Amino acid sequence: MPTTTGASAAHRTETTEPAAGPAATAAEHAERAQRAAHSVRELFGGRALGVPGTLLGAPAHPRPTSPKAPWHYWWQAHLLDALVDAGLRHLDEPARAQRFRREGHRLLRGITLRSGGRVTHNSYYDDMAWLLLAVGRLAGLDRALTGRPGVACLDAGSALLARLERGHTGDLGGGVFWNTRHDVKNTASSAPTALAFVRTHRREEARAVLGWLRGTLWNPERRVFHDGLRLVAAGSGAEVTRLDERLFSYNSGPVLGALLELADAPGTAGPDRADLLGAAADVVAGAAAEYGRELDGHPVLRTHGGGDAGLFSGILARYLADAARHPGLPAAVRGTAAELVTGTADALWAGRREFDPAVDFSAPDSTAAGETVAIFSPDPARHADESQRPGVPVELSTQVQAWTVLEAAARLTRP
């Protein structure tokens, strides 16, 4: 049985900390992203409930054998985003781009099936916001390749947007609830919803959510967002709120995206646009200070471990790449964003472990027989040989995070 927890000496790097090397070329960044795409699809991809024409990412490799194993709706949303990234990377090769587009639609069918036939069969508004963003990007890939968005994207997008609008209320001063219990409003739900509102031409709603985030959860000294605001003793008549001061890297990402896209929206100009871009520059600076670190003389993003947190810094990297290419931001801000993305990508690549998935490396004297796949460390400062210990399954979230970072770096280095 294949394993991800061992490696032959001939097919791994012996160091336990990634080493810095010369800057990668655009072609090398594209090749790295492609290797990540191949590896994630090879190790984690499969049919949803065994149904042909569907795709779903297994939560771990080796795959859990229990039929009650979790499947993580929102991890699938980011897997879909990564498939769209790969499709856009291949727009000059339509046949390959179409392959990723078709896989995206199979994944959307898989998510729908696994959700009981409705993409909105979910209690968390942030999960649905992430899927709405990914579905919208898949519709954009449809347009680029076929001239029109897929009906499945339109249907899913409409249903998801309607659900998000229910979570956007005036309670607690504004923002978007985290889940259908309506007792917490946080950055995790409000930020991607604000970005979804921008992309669906609900700009006043987007401004309202962003204004609530800045006024309620923004820490002006550290220039990052606190996690959320909890309603204590809901329904008792004596409700009070409690600020959750935890900081997570992904909370900066979609706020940054929403600010940049709102600044570029039709009708935004003058002082209004300057204010939005100034706020975006603050978010980049805060993300660099709070979530950045230096590794071998290069800036990289800190990560948050595994589980759900295994996706957090990949999400931030996606939107830092947008900031790095935005002409309205100062050159120094763009440079900071770009260095964080490429530095993290370089470290993840240097710290990968490659192996042949058809060979059990726990057997003595095993040798690779076919094409290798890569496992990436959850922490860019540690080699996968150290961070992915023998006997511990590799989680989908951490590998989608690495794929997302590598796609972001490839996007930055494309002409």
Protein backbone atom coordinates (compact mmCIF):
# COMPACT_ATOMS: atom_id res chain seq x y z
CA MET A 1 0.00 0.00 0.00
CA PRO A 2 1.44 3.47 -0.89
CA THR A 3 2.63 5.63 1.97
CA THR A 4 3.60 9.27 2.35
CA THR A 5 5.50 8.84 5.55
CA GLY A 6 8.79 7.39 4.42
CA ALA A 7 11.26 8.08 1.62
CA SER A 8 14.22 6.40 0.02
CA ALA A 9 17.53 8.17 0.39
CA ALA A 10 17.73 8.54 -3.38
CA HIS A 11 14.46 10.47 -3.55
CA ARG A 12 14.60 13.06 -0.82
CA THR A 13 16.68 15.96 0.39
CA GLU A 14 18.60 15.05 3.52
CA THR A 15 18.40 18.46 5.18
CA THR A 16 15.70 19.20 7.75
CA GLU A 17 15.45 22.90 6.94
CA PRO A 18 14.88 24.32 3.46
CA ALA A 19 17.93 26.04 2.02
CA ALA A 20 17.78 29.22 -0.02
CA GLY A 21 18.90 29.04 -3.62
CA PRO A 22 19.00 31.27 -6.68
CA ALA A 23 15.76 32.95 -7.71
CA ALA A 24 13.57 30.66 -9.78
CA THR A 25 12.64 31.58 -13.33
CA ALA A 26 9.06 31.98 -14.56
CA ALA A 27 9.28 28.56 -16.20
CA GLU A 28 10.51 26.99 -12.97
CA HIS A 29 7.70 28.55 -10.95
CA ALA A 30 5.18 27.20 -13.47
CA GLU A 31 6.76 23.75 -13.30
CA ARG A 32 6.60 23.79 -9.50
CA ALA A 33 2.93 24.75 -9.53
CA GLN A 34 2.26 21.97 -12.02
CA ARG A 35 4.02 19.43 -9.80
CA ALA A 36 1.87 20.52 -6.86
CA ALA A 37 -1.27 20.24 -8.99
CA HIS A 38 -0.31 16.73 -10.11
CA SER A 39 0.59 15.65 -6.59
CA VAL A 40 -2.60 16.82 -4.92
CA ARG A 41 -4.80 15.30 -7.62
CA GLU A 42 -2.86 12.02 -7.57
CA LEU A 43 -2.84 11.60 -3.79
CA PHE A 44 -6.19 13.05 -2.76
CA GLY A 45 -8.52 13.10 -5.78
CA GLY A 46 -11.35 10.59 -6.06
CA ARG A 47 -15.04 10.25 -6.81
CA ALA A 48 -17.63 11.62 -4.43
CA LEU A 49 -19.42 8.65 -2.88
CA GLY A 50 -18.14 6.57 -5.80
CA VAL A 51 -20.33 8.40 -8.34
CA PRO A 52 -18.86 8.74 -11.87
CA GLY A 53 -18.38 12.28 -13.15
CA THR A 54 -17.65 13.70 -9.70
CA LEU A 55 -14.51 14.66 -7.84
CA LEU A 56 -13.78 15.22 -4.17
CA GLY A 57 -10.56 15.66 -2.23
CA ALA A 58 -9.92 13.05 0.45
CA PRO A 59 -9.22 14.72 3.80
CA ALA A 60 -5.89 12.91 4.18
CA HIS A 61 -3.43 10.54 2.53
CA PRO A 62 -3.50 7.64 3.07
CA ARG A 63 -7.28 7.93 2.76
CA PRO A 64 -9.37 7.33 5.87
CA THR A 65 -11.18 4.00 5.71
CA SER A 66 -14.10 4.95 7.94
CA PRO A 67 -17.29 5.92 6.08
CA LYS A 68 -17.80 8.59 8.76
CA ALA A 69 -14.51 10.34 8.02
CA PRO A 70 -14.87 14.15 7.75
CA TRP A 71 -14.72 15.73 4.32
CA HIS A 72 -14.36 19.46 5.10
CA TYR A 73 -16.60 21.48 2.77
CA TRP A 74 -14.40 24.57 2.87
CA TRP A 75 -11.21 22.66 2.04
CA GLN A 76 -12.96 21.60 -1.16
CA ALA A 77 -13.70 25.26 -1.96
CA HIS A 78 -9.99 26.05 -1.85
CA LEU A 79 -9.20 22.93 -3.85
CA LEU A 80 -11.58 24.32 -6.48
CA ASP A 81 -9.79 27.67 -6.37
CA ALA A 82 -6.47 25.89 -6.97
CA LEU A 83 -7.90 24.01 -9.96
CA VAL A 84 -9.02 27.33 -11.41
CA ASP A 85 -5.53 28.76 -10.78
CA ALA A 86 -4.06 25.89 -12.78
CA GLY A 87 -6.58 26.35 -15.58
CA LEU A 88 -5.77 30.05 -15.87
CA ARG A 89 -2.06 29.23 -15.87
CA HIS A 90 -2.66 27.13 -18.99
CA LEU A 91 -4.83 29.55 -20.97
CA ASP A 92 -2.22 29.54 -23.74
CA GLU A 93 -2.66 25.75 -23.91
CA PRO A 94 -6.45 25.40 -24.23
CA ALA A 95 -6.53 21.60 -24.08
CA ARG A 96 -4.76 21.56 -20.71
CA ALA A 97 -6.82 24.49 -19.43
CA GLN A 98 -9.99 22.65 -20.41
CA ARG A 99 -8.86 19.64 -18.41
CA PHE A 100 -8.67 21.73 -15.24
CA ARG A 101 -11.99 23.41 -16.05
CA ARG A 102 -13.67 20.02 -16.38
CA GLU A 103 -12.10 18.88 -13.12
CA GLY A 104 -13.45 22.01 -11.47
CA HIS A 105 -16.96 21.17 -12.61
CA ARG A 106 -16.58 17.58 -11.43
CA LEU A 107 -15.51 18.91 -8.05
CA LEU A 108 -18.51 21.25 -7.90
CA ARG A 109 -20.76 18.26 -8.62
CA GLY A 110 -18.93 16.29 -5.93
CA ILE A 111 -19.38 19.05 -3.35
CA THR A 112 -23.08 19.30 -4.24
CA LEU A 113 -23.57 15.56 -3.98
CA ARG A 114 -21.66 15.25 -0.72
CA SER A 115 -23.70 18.14 0.69
CA GLY A 116 -26.93 16.23 0.15
CA GLY A 117 -27.75 17.76 -3.23
CA ARG A 118 -27.50 21.42 -2.18
CA VAL A 119 -24.33 23.51 -1.96
CA THR A 120 -26.06 25.55 0.74
CA HIS A 121 -26.48 22.53 3.04
CA ASN A 122 -24.00 24.09 5.45
CA SER A 123 -24.26 25.94 8.75
CA TYR A 124 -21.25 28.22 8.28
CA TYR A 125 -21.43 31.41 6.26
CA ASP A 126 -17.65 31.58 5.86
CA ASP A 127 -17.59 28.11 4.25
CA MET A 128 -20.26 29.18 1.78
CA ALA A 129 -18.48 32.47 1.06
CA TRP A 130 -15.29 30.62 0.13
CA LEU A 131 -17.22 28.34 -2.20
CA LEU A 132 -19.02 31.30 -3.79
CA LEU A 133 -15.67 32.95 -4.53
CA ALA A 134 -14.33 29.73 -6.08
CA VAL A 135 -17.49 29.10 -8.11
CA GLY A 136 -17.34 32.65 -9.44
CA ARG A 137 -13.76 32.11 -10.58
CA LEU A 138 -14.74 28.81 -12.20
CA ALA A 139 -17.44 30.69 -14.09
CA GLY A 140 -14.74 33.12 -15.23
CA LEU A 141 -12.62 30.23 -16.49
CA ASP A 142 -15.71 28.96 -18.34
CA ARG A 143 -16.07 32.33 -20.06
CA ALA A 144 -12.41 32.41 -21.04
CA LEU A 145 -12.55 28.95 -22.60
CA THR A 146 -16.14 28.57 -23.85
CA GLY A 147 -17.51 32.11 -24.00
CA ARG A 148 -20.13 31.59 -21.29
CA PRO A 149 -20.38 30.54 -17.65
CA GLY A 150 -21.57 27.05 -16.83
CA VAL A 151 -25.17 26.71 -15.66
CA ALA A 152 -24.00 24.81 -12.58
CA CYS A 153 -21.86 27.79 -11.58
CA LEU A 154 -24.73 30.22 -12.04
CA ASP A 155 -27.13 28.07 -10.04
CA ALA A 156 -24.65 27.44 -7.23
CA GLY A 157 -23.58 31.07 -7.15
CA SER A 158 -27.14 32.34 -6.91
CA ALA A 159 -28.01 29.95 -4.07
CA LEU A 160 -24.84 30.72 -2.12
CA LEU A 161 -25.23 34.48 -2.49
CA ALA A 162 -28.78 34.34 -1.18
CA ARG A 163 -27.57 32.48 1.91
CA LEU A 164 -24.77 34.97 2.55
CA GLU A 165 -27.20 37.85 2.40
CA ARG A 166 -29.09 36.26 5.31
CA GLY A 167 -25.93 36.37 7.41
CA HIS A 168 -25.33 40.06 6.66
CA THR A 169 -27.46 41.89 9.22
CA GLY A 170 -27.41 44.98 11.39
CA ASP A 171 -26.91 42.94 14.56
CA LEU A 172 -23.76 43.86 16.50
CA GLY A 173 -23.44 46.93 14.29
CA GLY A 174 -23.05 45.12 10.97
CA GLY A 175 -20.77 42.49 9.48
CA VAL A 176 -21.62 38.87 8.69
CA PHE A 177 -22.46 36.11 11.12
CA TRP A 178 -20.13 33.12 11.31
CA ASN A 179 -22.84 30.46 11.40
CA THR A 180 -26.58 30.00 11.46
CA ARG A 181 -26.68 30.21 15.27
CA HIS A 182 -26.16 33.94 14.75
CA ASP A 183 -24.09 34.42 17.90
CA VAL A 184 -20.69 35.34 16.41
CA LYS A 185 -19.68 37.82 13.74
CA ASN A 186 -16.10 37.56 12.62
CA THR A 187 -13.48 38.40 10.04
CA ALA A 188 -13.50 34.83 8.75
CA SER A 189 -17.04 35.22 7.41
CA SER A 190 -17.20 38.97 6.84
CA ALA A 191 -14.02 39.29 4.76
CA PRO A 192 -14.76 36.70 2.04
CA THR A 193 -18.39 37.84 1.97
CA ALA A 194 -17.27 41.44 1.36
CA LEU A 195 -15.14 40.22 -1.54
CA ALA A 196 -18.06 38.17 -2.88
CA PHE A 197 -20.26 41.28 -2.67
CA VAL A 198 -17.72 43.27 -4.71
CA ARG A 199 -17.59 40.54 -7.36
CA THR A 200 -21.39 40.32 -7.59
CA HIS A 201 -21.78 44.11 -7.96
CA ARG A 202 -23.17 44.67 -4.47
CA ARG A 203 -20.66 47.38 -3.76
CA GLU A 204 -22.57 49.26 -1.10
CA GLU A 205 -22.99 46.05 0.87
CA ALA A 206 -19.26 45.40 0.43
CA ARG A 207 -18.43 48.88 1.71
CA ALA A 208 -20.69 48.36 4.71
CA VAL A 209 -19.01 45.09 5.64
CA LEU A 210 -15.52 46.54 5.17
CA GLY A 211 -16.49 49.55 7.25
CA TRP A 212 -17.70 47.29 10.04
CA LEU A 213 -14.49 45.28 9.93
CA ARG A 214 -12.34 48.41 10.10
CA GLY A 215 -14.41 49.91 12.89
CA THR A 216 -14.87 46.78 14.99
CA LEU A 217 -12.10 44.22 14.46
CA TRP A 218 -9.18 46.23 13.04
CA ASN A 219 -6.16 46.66 15.32
CA PRO A 220 -4.64 49.96 14.11
CA GLU A 221 -1.35 49.50 15.98
CA ARG A 222 -0.62 46.06 14.52
CA ARG A 223 -2.60 46.65 11.30
CA VAL A 224 -4.32 43.26 11.38
CA PHE A 225 -7.84 42.07 12.14
CA HIS A 226 -8.96 40.39 15.33
CA ASP A 227 -10.85 37.17 14.82
CA GLY A 228 -14.36 38.13 15.85
CA LEU A 229 -17.06 39.47 18.12
CA ARG A 230 -19.12 37.02 20.16
CA LEU A 231 -22.57 37.64 21.54
CA VAL A 232 -22.59 36.29 25.10
CA ALA A 233 -25.86 35.02 26.64
CA ALA A 234 -27.74 35.40 23.35
CA GLY A 235 -31.50 35.61 23.84
CA SER A 236 -31.31 36.23 27.59
CA GLY A 237 -32.16 39.89 27.46
CA ALA A 238 -28.78 40.67 29.02
CA GLU A 239 -26.53 40.10 26.02
CA VAL A 240 -23.01 41.49 26.00
CA THR A 241 -20.29 41.19 23.40
CA ARG A 242 -16.79 39.80 23.82
CA LEU A 243 -13.93 40.52 21.43
CA ASP A 244 -11.95 37.48 20.27
CA GLU A 245 -8.45 38.95 19.95
CA ARG A 246 -6.84 35.98 18.22
CA LEU A 247 -4.97 36.74 14.99
CA PHE A 248 -4.88 34.47 11.96
CA SER A 249 -3.11 35.18 8.69
CA TYR A 250 -6.03 34.32 6.42
CA ASN A 251 -8.16 37.10 7.89
CA SER A 252 -5.99 39.69 6.13
CA GLY A 253 -6.24 38.02 2.71
CA PRO A 254 -9.81 38.52 1.50
CA VAL A 255 -10.02 41.99 3.09
CA LEU A 256 -7.01 42.90 0.96
CA GLY A 257 -8.70 41.42 -2.10
CA ALA A 258 -11.94 43.28 -1.43
CA LEU A 259 -10.16 46.62 -0.97
CA LEU A 260 -8.20 46.22 -4.22
CA GLU A 261 -11.18 45.10 -6.28
CA LEU A 262 -13.43 47.79 -4.86
CA ALA A 263 -10.76 50.38 -5.71
CA ASP A 264 -10.85 49.13 -9.31
CA ALA A 265 -14.65 48.99 -9.55
CA PRO A 266 -16.40 51.31 -12.04
CA GLY A 267 -17.22 54.62 -10.45
CA THR A 268 -14.50 54.46 -7.80
CA ALA A 269 -12.09 57.35 -8.25
CA GLY A 270 -10.32 60.23 -6.57
CA PRO A 271 -10.07 60.32 -2.76
CA ASP A 272 -12.32 57.27 -2.43
CA ARG A 273 -9.96 55.13 -4.50
CA ALA A 274 -6.95 56.56 -2.70
CA ASP A 275 -8.50 55.68 0.68
CA LEU A 276 -9.15 52.09 -0.41
CA LEU A 277 -5.62 51.67 -1.74
CA GLY A 278 -4.17 53.25 1.40
CA ALA A 279 -6.12 50.76 3.51
CA ALA A 280 -4.84 47.93 1.29
CA ALA A 281 -1.26 49.10 1.78
CA ASP A 282 -1.84 49.06 5.56
CA VAL A 283 -3.08 45.47 5.35
CA VAL A 284 0.02 44.39 3.41
CA ALA A 285 2.30 46.10 5.94
CA GLY A 286 0.47 44.56 8.88
CA ALA A 287 0.51 41.09 7.30
CA ALA A 288 4.24 41.35 6.68
CA ALA A 289 4.95 42.45 10.25
CA GLU A 290 2.58 40.04 12.01
CA TYR A 291 2.74 36.96 9.81
CA GLY A 292 6.10 37.30 8.11
CA ARG A 293 9.46 35.99 9.26
CA GLU A 294 12.94 35.74 7.81
CA LEU A 295 14.35 32.44 6.63
CA ASP A 296 17.90 32.30 5.25
CA GLY A 297 17.72 36.02 4.54
CA HIS A 298 14.39 35.82 2.70
CA PRO A 299 10.91 36.78 3.95
CA VAL A 300 8.40 33.95 4.29
CA LEU A 301 4.94 33.65 5.78
CA ARG A 302 4.38 32.01 9.11
CA THR A 303 1.88 29.18 9.00
CA HIS A 304 -0.58 27.87 11.57
CA GLY A 305 -0.10 24.10 11.56
CA GLY A 306 -2.59 21.56 10.25
CA GLY A 307 -6.32 21.00 10.14
CA ASP A 308 -8.30 24.04 9.07
CA ALA A 309 -5.31 26.22 9.96
CA GLY A 310 -3.29 24.37 7.32
CA LEU A 311 -4.94 26.59 4.69
CA PHE A 312 -4.59 29.97 6.37
CA SER A 313 -1.34 31.34 4.98
CA GLY A 314 -2.04 29.96 1.51
CA ILE A 315 -5.15 32.12 1.45
CA LEU A 316 -3.13 35.17 2.45
CA ALA A 317 -0.56 34.42 -0.27
CA ARG A 318 -3.30 34.38 -2.92
CA TYR A 319 -4.25 37.98 -2.18
CA LEU A 320 -0.70 39.17 -1.56
CA ALA A 321 -0.01 38.12 -5.15
CA ASP A 322 -2.87 40.38 -6.26
CA ALA A 323 -1.35 43.24 -4.26
CA ALA A 324 2.08 42.59 -5.77
CA ARG A 325 0.68 43.18 -9.25
CA HIS A 326 -1.60 46.12 -8.48
CA PRO A 327 -0.32 49.30 -10.16
CA GLY A 328 -2.14 51.55 -7.71
CA LEU A 329 -0.02 50.47 -4.76
CA PRO A 330 3.41 51.98 -4.03
CA ALA A 331 6.36 50.03 -5.39
CA ALA A 332 7.63 49.25 -1.89
CA VAL A 333 4.28 47.71 -0.91
CA ARG A 334 4.16 45.65 -4.09
CA GLY A 335 7.70 44.50 -3.45
CA THR A 336 6.91 43.43 0.11
CA ALA A 337 3.91 41.41 -1.06
CA ALA A 338 5.87 39.78 -3.88
CA GLU A 339 8.79 38.82 -1.64
CA LEU A 340 6.50 37.15 0.88
CA VAL A 341 4.85 35.08 -1.85
CA THR A 342 7.98 34.02 -3.71
CA GLY A 343 9.99 33.51 -0.51
CA THR A 344 7.31 31.21 0.90
CA ALA A 345 7.01 29.36 -2.40
CA ASP A 346 10.78 28.85 -2.62
CA ALA A 347 10.95 27.53 0.94
CA LEU A 348 8.04 25.13 0.44
CA TRP A 349 9.59 23.84 -2.76
CA ALA A 350 13.02 23.39 -1.18
CA GLY A 351 11.45 21.52 1.74
CA ARG A 352 9.34 19.11 -0.30
CA ARG A 353 9.69 15.33 -0.25
CA GLU A 354 9.20 13.42 -3.49
CA PHE A 355 8.32 9.77 -3.81
CA ASP A 356 6.73 7.25 -6.13
CA PRO A 357 3.15 6.73 -4.90
CA ALA A 358 3.14 3.17 -6.27
CA VAL A 359 6.01 2.13 -3.98
CA ASP A 360 5.81 1.51 -0.25
CA PHE A 361 8.87 3.32 1.06
CA SER A 362 8.55 1.61 4.43
CA ALA A 363 9.82 -1.56 2.75
CA PRO A 364 13.60 -2.09 2.77
CA ASP A 365 15.57 -1.30 -0.40
CA SER A 366 12.55 0.23 -2.16
CA THR A 367 13.17 2.12 -5.39
CA ALA A 368 11.02 4.49 -7.38
CA ALA A 369 9.46 2.94 -10.47
CA GLY A 370 7.34 5.73 -11.95
CA GLU A 371 6.55 9.44 -11.84
CA THR A 372 7.05 10.93 -8.40
CA VAL A 373 4.68 13.11 -6.44
CA ALA A 374 5.58 15.74 -3.87
CA ILE A 375 4.55 16.20 -0.27
CA PHE A 376 4.96 19.73 1.08
CA SER A 377 5.63 20.77 4.63
CA PRO A 378 2.91 22.60 6.58
CA ASP A 379 5.70 24.95 7.73
CA PRO A 380 8.01 26.58 5.16
CA ALA A 381 10.76 26.72 7.82
CA ARG A 382 10.83 22.92 8.24
CA HIS A 383 11.55 20.20 5.72
CA ALA A 384 8.74 17.74 5.03
CA ASP A 385 10.97 14.93 6.31
CA GLU A 386 10.77 16.58 9.73
CA SER A 387 7.25 18.00 9.76
CA GLN A 388 5.49 14.99 8.20
CA ARG A 389 6.47 12.31 10.68
CA PRO A 390 6.21 8.60 9.82
CA GLY A 391 2.80 7.16 10.60
CA VAL A 392 0.99 10.51 10.52
CA PRO A 393 -1.36 11.03 7.56
CA VAL A 394 -0.75 14.04 5.32
CA GLU A 395 -3.70 16.44 5.36
CA LEU A 396 -5.34 17.82 2.24
CA SER A 397 -5.46 21.31 3.73
CA THR A 398 -1.68 21.68 4.03
CA GLN A 399 -1.11 20.42 0.50
CA VAL A 400 -3.73 22.71 -1.03
CA GLN A 401 -2.05 25.55 0.89
CA ALA A 402 1.30 24.73 -0.72
CA TRP A 403 -0.31 24.40 -4.16
CA THR A 404 -2.02 27.78 -3.69
CA VAL A 405 1.27 29.45 -2.73
CA LEU A 406 3.10 27.90 -5.69
CA GLU A 407 0.34 29.02 -8.07
CA ALA A 408 0.53 32.53 -6.59
CA ALA A 409 4.29 32.63 -7.22
CA ALA A 410 3.82 31.33 -10.77
CA ARG A 411 1.22 34.04 -11.41
CA LEU A 412 3.61 36.70 -10.16
CA THR A 413 6.41 35.63 -12.46
CA ARG A 414 4.34 35.29 -15.63
CA PRO A 415 4.97 38.04 -18.19
